[in-house]
Amino acid sequence: MTAAVSEELWNEFHAVVNMTSRELEDWLRTSAAGEETEEPPPHAGNITGRQVLAVLGKRPGDLTDSDARVMRRVVDIVHEQRGPEPRATAGDARWRHSMMDIGHDPLKPG
């Protein structure tokens, strides 16, 4: 691990981000597509989702302080919304989609 990202943060992040990089990328592209859009843009989705996708594509030694802040923010959001040990639960579709925007699918089994 780097000074920016502890092993604990690395493990927490990968525990709460339960979507693969491919699943997240597909979700961000799909969620950004609208009726007026013929094809989703290559950098679709919210900024935090794109940042999570970038972190998922890095090795631990390549992570930066900025990546660490993103990872901590995502861990905090998921823990705030789901609790320290999230289990698969149904909920409001809008809420689920907002969680998926940052790489956490509440309905995906742990």
PDB file of N, CA and C in Angstrom:
ATOM      1  N   MET A   1       0.838  -1.191   0.000  1.00  0.00           N
ATOM      2  CA  MET A   1       0.000   0.000   0.000  1.00  0.00           C
ATOM      3  C   MET A   1       0.878   1.248   0.000  1.00  0.00           C
ATOM      4  N   THR A   2       0.270   2.338  -0.382  1.00  0.00           N
ATOM      5  CA  THR A   2       0.988   3.607  -0.376  1.00  0.00           C
ATOM      6  C   THR A   2       0.668   4.360   0.899  1.00  0.00           C
ATOM      7  N   ALA A   3       1.384   5.436   1.107  1.00  0.00           N
ATOM      8  CA  ALA A   3       1.087   6.280   2.269  1.00  0.00           C
ATOM      9  C   ALA A   3      -0.312   6.868   2.147  1.00  0.00           C
ATOM     10  N   ALA A   4      -0.768   7.066   0.915  1.00  0.00           N
ATOM     11  CA  ALA A   4      -2.087   7.664   0.683  1.00  0.00           C
ATOM     12  C   ALA A   4      -3.219   6.713   1.055  1.00  0.00           C
ATOM     13  N   VAL A   5      -3.021   5.432   0.824  1.00  0.00           N
ATOM     14  CA  VAL A   5      -4.093   4.451   1.025  1.00  0.00           C
ATOM     15  C   VAL A   5      -3.597   3.325   1.930  1.00  0.00           C
ATOM     16  N   SER A   6      -4.207   3.223   3.077  1.00  0.00           N
ATOM     17  CA  SER A   6      -3.854   2.143   4.008  1.00  0.00           C
ATOM     18  C   SER A   6      -4.496   0.843   3.540  1.00  0.00           C
ATOM     19  N   GLU A   7      -4.005  -0.255   4.062  1.00  0.00           N
ATOM     20  CA  GLU A   7      -4.587  -1.557   3.746  1.00  0.00           C
ATOM     21  C   GLU A   7      -6.042  -1.609   4.221  1.00  0.00           C
ATOM     22  N   GLU A   8      -6.303  -0.981   5.374  1.00  0.00           N
ATOM     23  CA  GLU A   8      -7.665  -0.948   5.912  1.00  0.00           C
ATOM     24  C   GLU A   8      -8.620  -0.237   4.948  1.00  0.00           C
ATOM     25  N   LEU A   9      -8.214   0.927   4.429  1.00  0.00           N
ATOM     26  CA  LEU A   9      -9.062   1.670   3.483  1.00  0.00           C
ATOM     27  C   LEU A   9      -9.244   0.866   2.205  1.00  0.00           C
ATOM     28  N   TRP A  10      -8.173   0.265   1.710  1.00  0.00           N
ATOM     29  CA  TRP A  10      -8.242  -0.561   0.502  1.00  0.00           C
ATOM     30  C   TRP A  10      -9.294  -1.659   0.675  1.00  0.00           C
ATOM     31  N   ASN A  11      -9.225  -2.359   1.807  1.00  0.00           N
ATOM     32  CA  ASN A  11     -10.158  -3.460   2.067  1.00  0.00           C
ATOM     33  C   ASN A  11     -11.597  -2.963   2.247  1.00  0.00           C
ATOM     34  N   GLU A  12     -11.774  -1.868   2.985  1.00  0.00           N
ATOM     35  CA  GLU A  12     -13.118  -1.306   3.177  1.00  0.00           C
ATOM     36  C   GLU A  12     -13.727  -0.889   1.849  1.00  0.00           C
ATOM     37  N   PHE A  13     -12.930  -0.201   1.036  1.00  0.00           N
ATOM     38  CA  PHE A  13     -13.403   0.273  -0.262  1.00  0.00           C
ATOM     39  C   PHE A  13     -13.858  -0.900  -1.125  1.00  0.00           C
ATOM     40  N   HIS A  14     -13.035  -1.936  -1.189  1.00  0.00           N
ATOM     41  CA  HIS A  14     -13.384  -3.079  -2.031  1.00  0.00           C
ATOM     42  C   HIS A  14     -14.510  -3.926  -1.435  1.00  0.00           C
ATOM     43  N   ALA A  15     -14.783  -3.765  -0.157  1.00  0.00           N
ATOM     44  CA  ALA A  15     -15.928  -4.445   0.447  1.00  0.00           C
ATOM     45  C   ALA A  15     -17.232  -3.727   0.102  1.00  0.00           C
ATOM     46  N   VAL A  16     -17.223  -2.398   0.079  1.00  0.00           N
ATOM     47  CA  VAL A  16     -18.461  -1.659  -0.190  1.00  0.00           C
ATOM     48  C   VAL A  16     -18.698  -1.452  -1.681  1.00  0.00           C
ATOM     49  N   VAL A  17     -17.642  -1.354  -2.472  1.00  0.00           N
ATOM     50  CA  VAL A  17     -17.811  -1.247  -3.924  1.00  0.00           C
ATOM     51  C   VAL A  17     -17.916  -2.675  -4.437  1.00  0.00           C
ATOM     52  N   ASN A  18     -19.158  -3.133  -4.555  1.00  0.00           N
ATOM     53  CA  ASN A  18     -19.399  -4.528  -4.906  1.00  0.00           C
ATOM     54  C   ASN A  18     -19.714  -4.729  -6.387  1.00  0.00           C
ATOM     55  N   MET A  19     -19.602  -3.679  -7.166  1.00  0.00           N
ATOM     56  CA  MET A  19     -19.775  -3.798  -8.605  1.00  0.00           C
ATOM     57  C   MET A  19     -18.386  -3.879  -9.239  1.00  0.00           C
ATOM     58  N   THR A  20     -18.248  -4.702 -10.262  1.00  0.00           N
ATOM     59  CA  THR A  20     -16.980  -4.759 -10.980  1.00  0.00           C
ATOM     60  C   THR A  20     -16.820  -3.482 -11.788  1.00  0.00           C
ATOM     61  N   SER A  21     -15.618  -3.232 -12.253  1.00  0.00           N
ATOM     62  CA  SER A  21     -15.400  -2.036 -13.065  1.00  0.00           C
ATOM     63  C   SER A  21     -16.271  -2.086 -14.324  1.00  0.00           C
ATOM     64  N   ARG A  22     -16.451  -3.264 -14.899  1.00  0.00           N
ATOM     65  CA  ARG A  22     -17.291  -3.406 -16.095  1.00  0.00           C
ATOM     66  C   ARG A  22     -18.759  -3.106 -15.772  1.00  0.00           C
ATOM     67  N   GLU A  23     -19.238  -3.647 -14.650  1.00  0.00           N
ATOM     68  CA  GLU A  23     -20.622  -3.393 -14.242  1.00  0.00           C
ATOM     69  C   GLU A  23     -20.844  -1.907 -13.986  1.00  0.00           C
ATOM     70  N   LEU A  24     -19.895  -1.271 -13.298  1.00  0.00           N
ATOM     71  CA  LEU A  24     -20.027   0.152 -12.999  1.00  0.00           C
ATOM     72  C   LEU A  24     -19.983   0.976 -14.274  1.00  0.00           C
ATOM     73  N   GLU A  25     -19.049   0.671 -15.159  1.00  0.00           N
ATOM     74  CA  GLU A  25     -18.958   1.415 -16.418  1.00  0.00           C
ATOM     75  C   GLU A  25     -20.247   1.278 -17.227  1.00  0.00           C
ATOM     76  N   ASP A  26     -20.758   0.058 -17.329  1.00  0.00           N
ATOM     77  CA  ASP A  26     -22.015  -0.162 -18.061  1.00  0.00           C
ATOM     78  C   ASP A  26     -23.160   0.599 -17.405  1.00  0.00           C
ATOM     79  N   TRP A  27     -23.212   0.570 -16.065  1.00  0.00           N
ATOM     80  CA  TRP A  27     -24.269   1.283 -15.351  1.00  0.00           C
ATOM     81  C   TRP A  27     -24.179   2.791 -15.597  1.00  0.00           C
ATOM     82  N   LEU A  28     -22.981   3.360 -15.486  1.00  0.00           N
ATOM     83  CA  LEU A  28     -22.826   4.803 -15.679  1.00  0.00           C
ATOM     84  C   LEU A  28     -23.209   5.213 -17.088  1.00  0.00           C
ATOM     85  N   ARG A  29     -22.846   4.397 -18.073  1.00  0.00           N
ATOM     86  CA  ARG A  29     -23.194   4.702 -19.467  1.00  0.00           C
ATOM     87  C   ARG A  29     -24.707   4.595 -19.671  1.00  0.00           C
ATOM     88  N   THR A  30     -25.330   3.585 -19.082  1.00  0.00           N
ATOM     89  CA  THR A  30     -26.771   3.387 -19.222  1.00  0.00           C
ATOM     90  C   THR A  30     -27.546   4.479 -18.507  1.00  0.00           C
ATOM     91  N   SER A  31     -27.124   4.809 -17.292  1.00  0.00           N
ATOM     92  CA  SER A  31     -27.860   5.812 -16.522  1.00  0.00           C
ATOM     93  C   SER A  31     -27.734   7.204 -17.135  1.00  0.00           C
ATOM     94  N   ALA A  32     -26.669   7.442 -17.911  1.00  0.00           N
ATOM     95  CA  ALA A  32     -26.491   8.747 -18.537  1.00  0.00           C
ATOM     96  C   ALA A  32     -27.240   8.861 -19.862  1.00  0.00           C
ATOM     97  N   ALA A  33     -27.646   7.728 -20.411  1.00  0.00           N
ATOM     98  CA  ALA A  33     -28.363   7.739 -21.682  1.00  0.00           C
ATOM     99  C   ALA A  33     -29.800   8.181 -21.452  1.00  0.00           C
ATOM    100  N   GLY A  34     -30.279   9.043 -22.307  1.00  0.00           N
ATOM    101  CA  GLY A  34     -31.650   9.518 -22.207  1.00  0.00           C
ATOM    102  C   GLY A  34     -32.371   9.329 -23.524  1.00  0.00           C
ATOM    103  N   GLU A  35     -33.606   9.751 -23.549  1.00  0.00           N
ATOM    104  CA  GLU A  35     -34.400   9.608 -24.763  1.00  0.00           C
ATOM    105  C   GLU A  35     -33.793  10.393 -25.913  1.00  0.00           C
ATOM    106  N   GLU A  36     -33.163  11.517 -25.602  1.00  0.00           N
ATOM    107  CA  GLU A  36     -32.584  12.378 -26.625  1.00  0.00           C
ATOM    108  C   GLU A  36     -31.195  11.907 -27.064  1.00  0.00           C
ATOM    109  N   THR A  37     -30.619  10.958 -26.336  1.00  0.00           N
ATOM    110  CA  THR A  37     -29.258  10.524 -26.594  1.00  0.00           C
ATOM    111  C   THR A  37     -29.254   9.294 -27.481  1.00  0.00           C
ATOM    112  N   GLU A  38     -28.506   9.368 -28.589  1.00  0.00           N
ATOM    113  CA  GLU A  38     -28.410   8.205 -29.462  1.00  0.00           C
ATOM    114  C   GLU A  38     -27.447   7.173 -28.892  1.00  0.00           C
ATOM    115  N   GLU A  39     -26.314   7.641 -28.390  1.00  0.00           N
ATOM    116  CA  GLU A  39     -25.310   6.753 -27.842  1.00  0.00           C
ATOM    117  C   GLU A  39     -24.742   7.393 -26.576  1.00  0.00           C
ATOM    118  N   PRO A  40     -24.578   6.620 -25.498  1.00  0.00           N
ATOM    119  CA  PRO A  40     -24.053   7.210 -24.266  1.00  0.00           C
ATOM    120  C   PRO A  40     -22.628   7.716 -24.447  1.00  0.00           C
ATOM    121  N   PRO A  41     -22.299   8.838 -23.835  1.00  0.00           N
ATOM    122  CA  PRO A  41     -20.941   9.361 -23.955  1.00  0.00           C
ATOM    123  C   PRO A  41     -19.943   8.439 -23.266  1.00  0.00           C
ATOM    124  N   PRO A  42     -18.677   8.449 -23.693  1.00  0.00           N
ATOM    125  CA  PRO A  42     -17.691   7.543 -23.102  1.00  0.00           C
ATOM    126  C   PRO A  42     -17.371   7.851 -21.638  1.00  0.00           C
ATOM    127  N   HIS A  43     -17.577   9.084 -21.218  1.00  0.00           N
ATOM    128  CA  HIS A  43     -17.309   9.457 -19.825  1.00  0.00           C
ATOM    129  C   HIS A  43     -18.617   9.812 -19.128  1.00  0.00           C
ATOM    130  N   ALA A  44     -19.580   8.910 -19.248  1.00  0.00           N
ATOM    131  CA  ALA A  44     -20.911   9.147 -18.702  1.00  0.00           C
ATOM    132  C   ALA A  44     -20.942   8.902 -17.203  1.00  0.00           C
ATOM    133  N   GLY A  45     -21.973   9.428 -16.574  1.00  0.00           N
ATOM    134  CA  GLY A  45     -22.199   9.203 -15.156  1.00  0.00           C
ATOM    135  C   GLY A  45     -21.709  10.344 -14.312  1.00  0.00           C
ATOM    136  N   ASN A  46     -21.977  10.234 -13.018  1.00  0.00           N
ATOM    137  CA  ASN A  46     -21.575  11.310 -12.125  1.00  0.00           C
ATOM    138  C   ASN A  46     -20.074  11.265 -11.878  1.00  0.00           C
ATOM    139  N   ILE A  47     -19.536  12.359 -11.395  1.00  0.00           N
ATOM    140  CA  ILE A  47     -18.088  12.463 -11.229  1.00  0.00           C
ATOM    141  C   ILE A  47     -17.541  11.453 -10.228  1.00  0.00           C
ATOM    142  N   THR A  48     -18.261  11.229  -9.125  1.00  0.00           N
ATOM    143  CA  THR A  48     -17.775  10.264  -8.136  1.00  0.00           C
ATOM    144  C   THR A  48     -17.746   8.862  -8.731  1.00  0.00           C
ATOM    145  N   GLY A  49     -18.755   8.508  -9.493  1.00  0.00           N
ATOM    146  CA  GLY A  49     -18.766   7.202 -10.155  1.00  0.00           C
ATOM    147  C   GLY A  49     -17.586   7.031 -11.092  1.00  0.00           C
ATOM    148  N   ARG A  50     -17.269   8.077 -11.842  1.00  0.00           N
ATOM    149  CA  ARG A  50     -16.106   8.018 -12.738  1.00  0.00           C
ATOM    150  C   ARG A  50     -14.812   7.915 -11.939  1.00  0.00           C
ATOM    151  N   GLN A  51     -14.750   8.599 -10.794  1.00  0.00           N
ATOM    152  CA  GLN A  51     -13.559   8.520  -9.948  1.00  0.00           C
ATOM    153  C   GLN A  51     -13.415   7.106  -9.373  1.00  0.00           C
ATOM    154  N   VAL A  52     -14.521   6.501  -8.951  1.00  0.00           N
ATOM    155  CA  VAL A  52     -14.492   5.122  -8.444  1.00  0.00           C
ATOM    156  C   VAL A  52     -13.994   4.193  -9.544  1.00  0.00           C
ATOM    157  N   LEU A  53     -14.492   4.387 -10.745  1.00  0.00           N
ATOM    158  CA  LEU A  53     -14.069   3.571 -11.875  1.00  0.00           C
ATOM    159  C   LEU A  53     -12.565   3.705 -12.103  1.00  0.00           C
ATOM    160  N   ALA A  54     -12.036   4.913 -11.977  1.00  0.00           N
ATOM    161  CA  ALA A  54     -10.597   5.124 -12.135  1.00  0.00           C
ATOM    162  C   ALA A  54      -9.812   4.412 -11.044  1.00  0.00           C
ATOM    163  N   VAL A  55     -10.295   4.474  -9.805  1.00  0.00           N
ATOM    164  CA  VAL A  55      -9.622   3.791  -8.692  1.00  0.00           C
ATOM    165  C   VAL A  55      -9.621   2.284  -8.924  1.00  0.00           C
ATOM    166  N   LEU A  56     -10.736   1.741  -9.398  1.00  0.00           N
ATOM    167  CA  LEU A  56     -10.818   0.299  -9.649  1.00  0.00           C
ATOM    168  C   LEU A  56      -9.806  -0.155 -10.695  1.00  0.00           C
ATOM    169  N   GLY A  57      -9.406   0.753 -11.559  1.00  0.00           N
ATOM    170  CA  GLY A  57      -8.449   0.416 -12.609  1.00  0.00           C
ATOM    171  C   GLY A  57      -6.994   0.565 -12.198  1.00  0.00           C
ATOM    172  N   LYS A  58      -6.741   0.903 -10.927  1.00  0.00           N
ATOM    173  CA  LYS A  58      -5.369   1.126 -10.474  1.00  0.00           C
ATOM    174  C   LYS A  58      -4.895   0.024  -9.538  1.00  0.00           C
ATOM    175  N   ARG A  59      -3.587  -0.147  -9.531  1.00  0.00           N
ATOM    176  CA  ARG A  59      -2.958  -1.028  -8.554  1.00  0.00           C
ATOM    177  C   ARG A  59      -2.743  -0.224  -7.281  1.00  0.00           C
ATOM    178  N   PRO A  60      -2.644  -0.896  -6.132  1.00  0.00           N
ATOM    179  CA  PRO A  60      -2.482  -0.174  -4.866  1.00  0.00           C
ATOM    180  C   PRO A  60      -1.328   0.828  -4.866  1.00  0.00           C
ATOM    181  N   GLY A  61      -0.219   0.478  -5.467  1.00  0.00           N
ATOM    182  CA  GLY A  61       0.938   1.366  -5.482  1.00  0.00           C
ATOM    183  C   GLY A  61       0.769   2.599  -6.351  1.00  0.00           C
ATOM    184  N   ASP A  62      -0.250   2.611  -7.193  1.00  0.00           N
ATOM    185  CA  ASP A  62      -0.475   3.740  -8.095  1.00  0.00           C
ATOM    186  C   ASP A  62      -1.494   4.743  -7.562  1.00  0.00           C
ATOM    187  N   LEU A  63      -2.077   4.460  -6.406  1.00  0.00           N
ATOM    188  CA  LEU A  63      -3.115   5.332  -5.854  1.00  0.00           C
ATOM    189  C   LEU A  63      -2.523   6.619  -5.293  1.00  0.00           C
ATOM    190  N   THR A  64      -3.283   7.695  -5.415  1.00  0.00           N
ATOM    191  CA  THR A  64      -2.844   9.017  -4.981  1.00  0.00           C
ATOM    192  C   THR A  64      -3.654   9.471  -3.770  1.00  0.00           C
ATOM    193  N   ASP A  65      -3.268  10.619  -3.222  1.00  0.00           N
ATOM    194  CA  ASP A  65      -4.037  11.209  -2.123  1.00  0.00           C
ATOM    195  C   ASP A  65      -5.470  11.492  -2.571  1.00  0.00           C
ATOM    196  N   SER A  66      -5.630  11.942  -3.794  1.00  0.00           N
ATOM    197  CA  SER A  66      -6.962  12.213  -4.334  1.00  0.00           C
ATOM    198  C   SER A  66      -7.789  10.929  -4.397  1.00  0.00           C
ATOM    199  N   ASP A  67      -7.159   9.844  -4.819  1.00  0.00           N
ATOM    200  CA  ASP A  67      -7.848   8.551  -4.852  1.00  0.00           C
ATOM    201  C   ASP A  67      -8.273   8.138  -3.444  1.00  0.00           C
ATOM    202  N   ALA A  68      -7.396   8.367  -2.472  1.00  0.00           N
ATOM    203  CA  ALA A  68      -7.709   8.015  -1.081  1.00  0.00           C
ATOM    204  C   ALA A  68      -8.927   8.791  -0.592  1.00  0.00           C
ATOM    205  N   ARG A  69      -9.024  10.071  -0.960  1.00  0.00           N
ATOM    206  CA  ARG A  69     -10.191  10.876  -0.554  1.00  0.00           C
ATOM    207  C   ARG A  69     -11.470  10.318  -1.182  1.00  0.00           C
ATOM    208  N   VAL A  70     -11.398   9.935  -2.437  1.00  0.00           N
ATOM    209  CA  VAL A  70     -12.559   9.346  -3.116  1.00  0.00           C
ATOM    210  C   VAL A  70     -12.954   8.044  -2.430  1.00  0.00           C
ATOM    211  N   MET A  71     -11.977   7.213  -2.151  1.00  0.00           N
ATOM    212  CA  MET A  71     -12.252   5.926  -1.514  1.00  0.00           C
ATOM    213  C   MET A  71     -12.895   6.130  -0.146  1.00  0.00           C
ATOM    214  N   ARG A  72     -12.370   7.044   0.653  1.00  0.00           N
ATOM    215  CA  ARG A  72     -12.921   7.314   1.986  1.00  0.00           C
ATOM    216  C   ARG A  72     -14.344   7.852   1.875  1.00  0.00           C
ATOM    217  N   ARG A  73     -14.580   8.763   0.907  1.00  0.00           N
ATOM    218  CA  ARG A  73     -15.910   9.341   0.735  1.00  0.00           C
ATOM    219  C   ARG A  73     -16.927   8.248   0.374  1.00  0.00           C
ATOM    220  N   VAL A  74     -16.553   7.347  -0.518  1.00  0.00           N
ATOM    221  CA  VAL A  74     -17.461   6.273  -0.933  1.00  0.00           C
ATOM    222  C   VAL A  74     -17.735   5.325   0.234  1.00  0.00           C
ATOM    223  N   VAL A  75     -16.704   4.957   0.968  1.00  0.00           N
ATOM    224  CA  VAL A  75     -16.887   4.098   2.142  1.00  0.00           C
ATOM    225  C   VAL A  75     -17.827   4.771   3.135  1.00  0.00           C
ATOM    226  N   ASP A  76     -17.609   6.053   3.396  1.00  0.00           N
ATOM    227  CA  ASP A  76     -18.460   6.783   4.347  1.00  0.00           C
ATOM    228  C   ASP A  76     -19.906   6.845   3.875  1.00  0.00           C
ATOM    229  N   ILE A  77     -20.120   7.095   2.586  1.00  0.00           N
ATOM    230  CA  ILE A  77     -21.484   7.182   2.049  1.00  0.00           C
ATOM    231  C   ILE A  77     -22.195   5.838   2.207  1.00  0.00           C
ATOM    232  N   VAL A  78     -21.530   4.770   1.820  1.00  0.00           N
ATOM    233  CA  VAL A  78     -22.171   3.448   1.896  1.00  0.00           C
ATOM    234  C   VAL A  78     -22.448   3.086   3.350  1.00  0.00           C
ATOM    235  N   HIS A  79     -21.498   3.336   4.236  1.00  0.00           N
ATOM    236  CA  HIS A  79     -21.729   3.016   5.653  1.00  0.00           C
ATOM    237  C   HIS A  79     -22.857   3.867   6.232  1.00  0.00           C
ATOM    238  N   GLU A  80     -22.923   5.118   5.822  1.00  0.00           N
ATOM    239  CA  GLU A  80     -23.999   5.996   6.308  1.00  0.00           C
ATOM    240  C   GLU A  80     -25.356   5.513   5.807  1.00  0.00           C
ATOM    241  N   GLN A  81     -25.414   5.101   4.569  1.00  0.00           N
ATOM    242  CA  GLN A  81     -26.671   4.679   3.961  1.00  0.00           C
ATOM    243  C   GLN A  81     -27.054   3.237   4.315  1.00  0.00           C
ATOM    244  N   ARG A  82     -26.060   2.379   4.537  1.00  0.00           N
ATOM    245  CA  ARG A  82     -26.321   0.952   4.691  1.00  0.00           C
ATOM    246  C   ARG A  82     -25.931   0.377   6.034  1.00  0.00           C
ATOM    247  N   GLY A  83     -25.046   1.014   6.762  1.00  0.00           N
ATOM    248  CA  GLY A  83     -24.519   0.437   7.992  1.00  0.00           C
ATOM    249  C   GLY A  83     -23.159  -0.185   7.739  1.00  0.00           C
ATOM    250  N   PRO A  84     -22.479  -0.601   8.792  1.00  0.00           N
ATOM    251  CA  PRO A  84     -21.115  -1.106   8.639  1.00  0.00           C
ATOM    252  C   PRO A  84     -20.999  -2.434   7.895  1.00  0.00           C
ATOM    253  N   GLU A  85     -22.029  -3.252   7.915  1.00  0.00           N
ATOM    254  CA  GLU A  85     -21.991  -4.531   7.204  1.00  0.00           C
ATOM    255  C   GLU A  85     -23.226  -4.658   6.313  1.00  0.00           C
ATOM    256  N   PRO A  86     -23.176  -4.023   5.145  1.00  0.00           N
ATOM    257  CA  PRO A  86     -24.356  -4.029   4.276  1.00  0.00           C
ATOM    258  C   PRO A  86     -24.732  -5.425   3.786  1.00  0.00           C
ATOM    259  N   ARG A  87     -26.037  -5.714   3.839  1.00  0.00           N
ATOM    260  CA  ARG A  87     -26.553  -6.951   3.276  1.00  0.00           C
ATOM    261  C   ARG A  87     -27.475  -6.567   2.113  1.00  0.00           C
ATOM    262  N   ALA A  88     -27.711  -7.529   1.255  1.00  0.00           N
ATOM    263  CA  ALA A  88     -28.581  -7.275   0.109  1.00  0.00           C
ATOM    264  C   ALA A  88     -29.983  -6.943   0.606  1.00  0.00           C
ATOM    265  N   THR A  89     -30.470  -5.745   0.252  1.00  0.00           N
ATOM    266  CA  THR A  89     -31.813  -5.337   0.639  1.00  0.00           C
ATOM    267  C   THR A  89     -32.450  -4.546  -0.482  1.00  0.00           C
ATOM    268  N   ALA A  90     -33.744  -4.740  -0.632  1.00  0.00           N
ATOM    269  CA  ALA A  90     -34.491  -3.961  -1.614  1.00  0.00           C
ATOM    270  C   ALA A  90     -34.775  -2.592  -1.022  1.00  0.00           C
ATOM    271  N   GLY A  91     -35.000  -1.657  -1.863  1.00  0.00           N
ATOM    272  CA  GLY A  91     -35.322  -0.309  -1.410  1.00  0.00           C
ATOM    273  C   GLY A  91     -35.882   0.489  -2.565  1.00  0.00           C
ATOM    274  N   ASP A  92     -36.042   1.751  -2.340  1.00  0.00           N
ATOM    275  CA  ASP A  92     -36.509   2.672  -3.360  1.00  0.00           C
ATOM    276  C   ASP A  92     -35.570   2.622  -4.568  1.00  0.00           C
ATOM    277  N   ALA A  93     -36.119   2.574  -5.763  1.00  0.00           N
ATOM    278  CA  ALA A  93     -35.303   2.474  -6.980  1.00  0.00           C
ATOM    279  C   ALA A  93     -34.353   3.653  -7.118  1.00  0.00           C
ATOM    280  N   ARG A  94     -34.816   4.851  -6.788  1.00  0.00           N
ATOM    281  CA  ARG A  94     -33.951   6.023  -6.909  1.00  0.00           C
ATOM    282  C   ARG A  94     -32.754   5.909  -5.960  1.00  0.00           C
ATOM    283  N   TRP A  95     -33.016   5.447  -4.730  1.00  0.00           N
ATOM    284  CA  TRP A  95     -31.945   5.245  -3.756  1.00  0.00           C
ATOM    285  C   TRP A  95     -30.959   4.196  -4.256  1.00  0.00           C
ATOM    286  N   ARG A  96     -31.478   3.075  -4.750  1.00  0.00           N
ATOM    287  CA  ARG A  96     -30.599   2.020  -5.276  1.00  0.00           C
ATOM    288  C   ARG A  96     -29.741   2.563  -6.399  1.00  0.00           C
ATOM    289  N   HIS A  97     -30.338   3.305  -7.299  1.00  0.00           N
ATOM    290  CA  HIS A  97     -29.585   3.845  -8.432  1.00  0.00           C
ATOM    291  C   HIS A  97     -28.519   4.829  -7.977  1.00  0.00           C
ATOM    292  N   SER A  98     -28.806   5.623  -6.953  1.00  0.00           N
ATOM    293  CA  SER A  98     -27.788   6.563  -6.452  1.00  0.00           C
ATOM    294  C   SER A  98     -26.629   5.799  -5.818  1.00  0.00           C
ATOM    295  N   MET A  99     -26.913   4.675  -5.188  1.00  0.00           N
ATOM    296  CA  MET A  99     -25.845   3.850  -4.624  1.00  0.00           C
ATOM    297  C   MET A  99     -25.039   3.183  -5.744  1.00  0.00           C
ATOM    298  N   MET A 100     -25.725   2.744  -6.778  1.00  0.00           N
ATOM    299  CA  MET A 100     -25.035   2.122  -7.901  1.00  0.00           C
ATOM    300  C   MET A 100     -24.146   3.132  -8.623  1.00  0.00           C
ATOM    301  N   ASP A 101     -24.513   4.399  -8.586  1.00  0.00           N
ATOM    302  CA  ASP A 101     -23.699   5.450  -9.202  1.00  0.00           C
ATOM    303  C   ASP A 101     -22.303   5.532  -8.606  1.00  0.00           C
ATOM    304  N   ILE A 102     -22.125   5.014  -7.380  1.00  0.00           N
ATOM    305  CA  ILE A 102     -20.806   5.030  -6.749  1.00  0.00           C
ATOM    306  C   ILE A 102     -20.233   3.613  -6.604  1.00  0.00           C
ATOM    307  N   GLY A 103     -20.853   2.648  -7.283  1.00  0.00           N
ATOM    308  CA  GLY A 103     -20.290   1.305  -7.333  1.00  0.00           C
ATOM    309  C   GLY A 103     -20.829   0.311  -6.328  1.00  0.00           C
ATOM    310  N   HIS A 104     -21.900   0.674  -5.615  1.00  0.00           N
ATOM    311  CA  HIS A 104     -22.487  -0.236  -4.637  1.00  0.00           C
ATOM    312  C   HIS A 104     -23.911  -0.598  -5.053  1.00  0.00           C
ATOM    313  N   ASP A 105     -24.126  -1.877  -5.344  1.00  0.00           N
ATOM    314  CA  ASP A 105     -25.472  -2.356  -5.679  1.00  0.00           C
ATOM    315  C   ASP A 105     -26.064  -3.013  -4.433  1.00  0.00           C
ATOM    316  N   PRO A 106     -27.065  -2.378  -3.810  1.00  0.00           N
ATOM    317  CA  PRO A 106     -27.653  -2.920  -2.576  1.00  0.00           C
ATOM    318  C   PRO A 106     -28.295  -4.291  -2.756  1.00  0.00           C
ATOM    319  N   LEU A 107     -28.633  -4.675  -3.974  1.00  0.00           N
ATOM    320  CA  LEU A 107     -29.294  -5.950  -4.196  1.00  0.00           C
ATOM    321  C   LEU A 107     -28.307  -7.060  -4.570  1.00  0.00           C
ATOM    322  N   LYS A 108     -27.057  -6.711  -4.723  1.00  0.00           N
ATOM    323  CA  LYS A 108     -26.048  -7.720  -5.085  1.00  0.00           C
ATOM    324  C   LYS A 108     -25.649  -8.475  -3.825  1.00  0.00           C
ATOM    325  N   PRO A 109     -25.705  -9.805  -3.874  1.00  0.00           N
ATOM    326  CA  PRO A 109     -25.320 -10.587  -2.682  1.00  0.00           C
ATOM    327  C   PRO A 109     -23.866 -10.327  -2.298  1.00  0.00           C
ATOM    328  N   GLY A 110     -23.606 -10.341  -1.001  1.00  0.00           N
ATOM    329  CA  GLY A 110     -22.264 -10.087  -0.494  1.00  0.00           C
ATOM    330  C   GLY A 110     -21.353 -11.232  -0.755  1.00  0.00           C
TER     331      GLY A 110
END
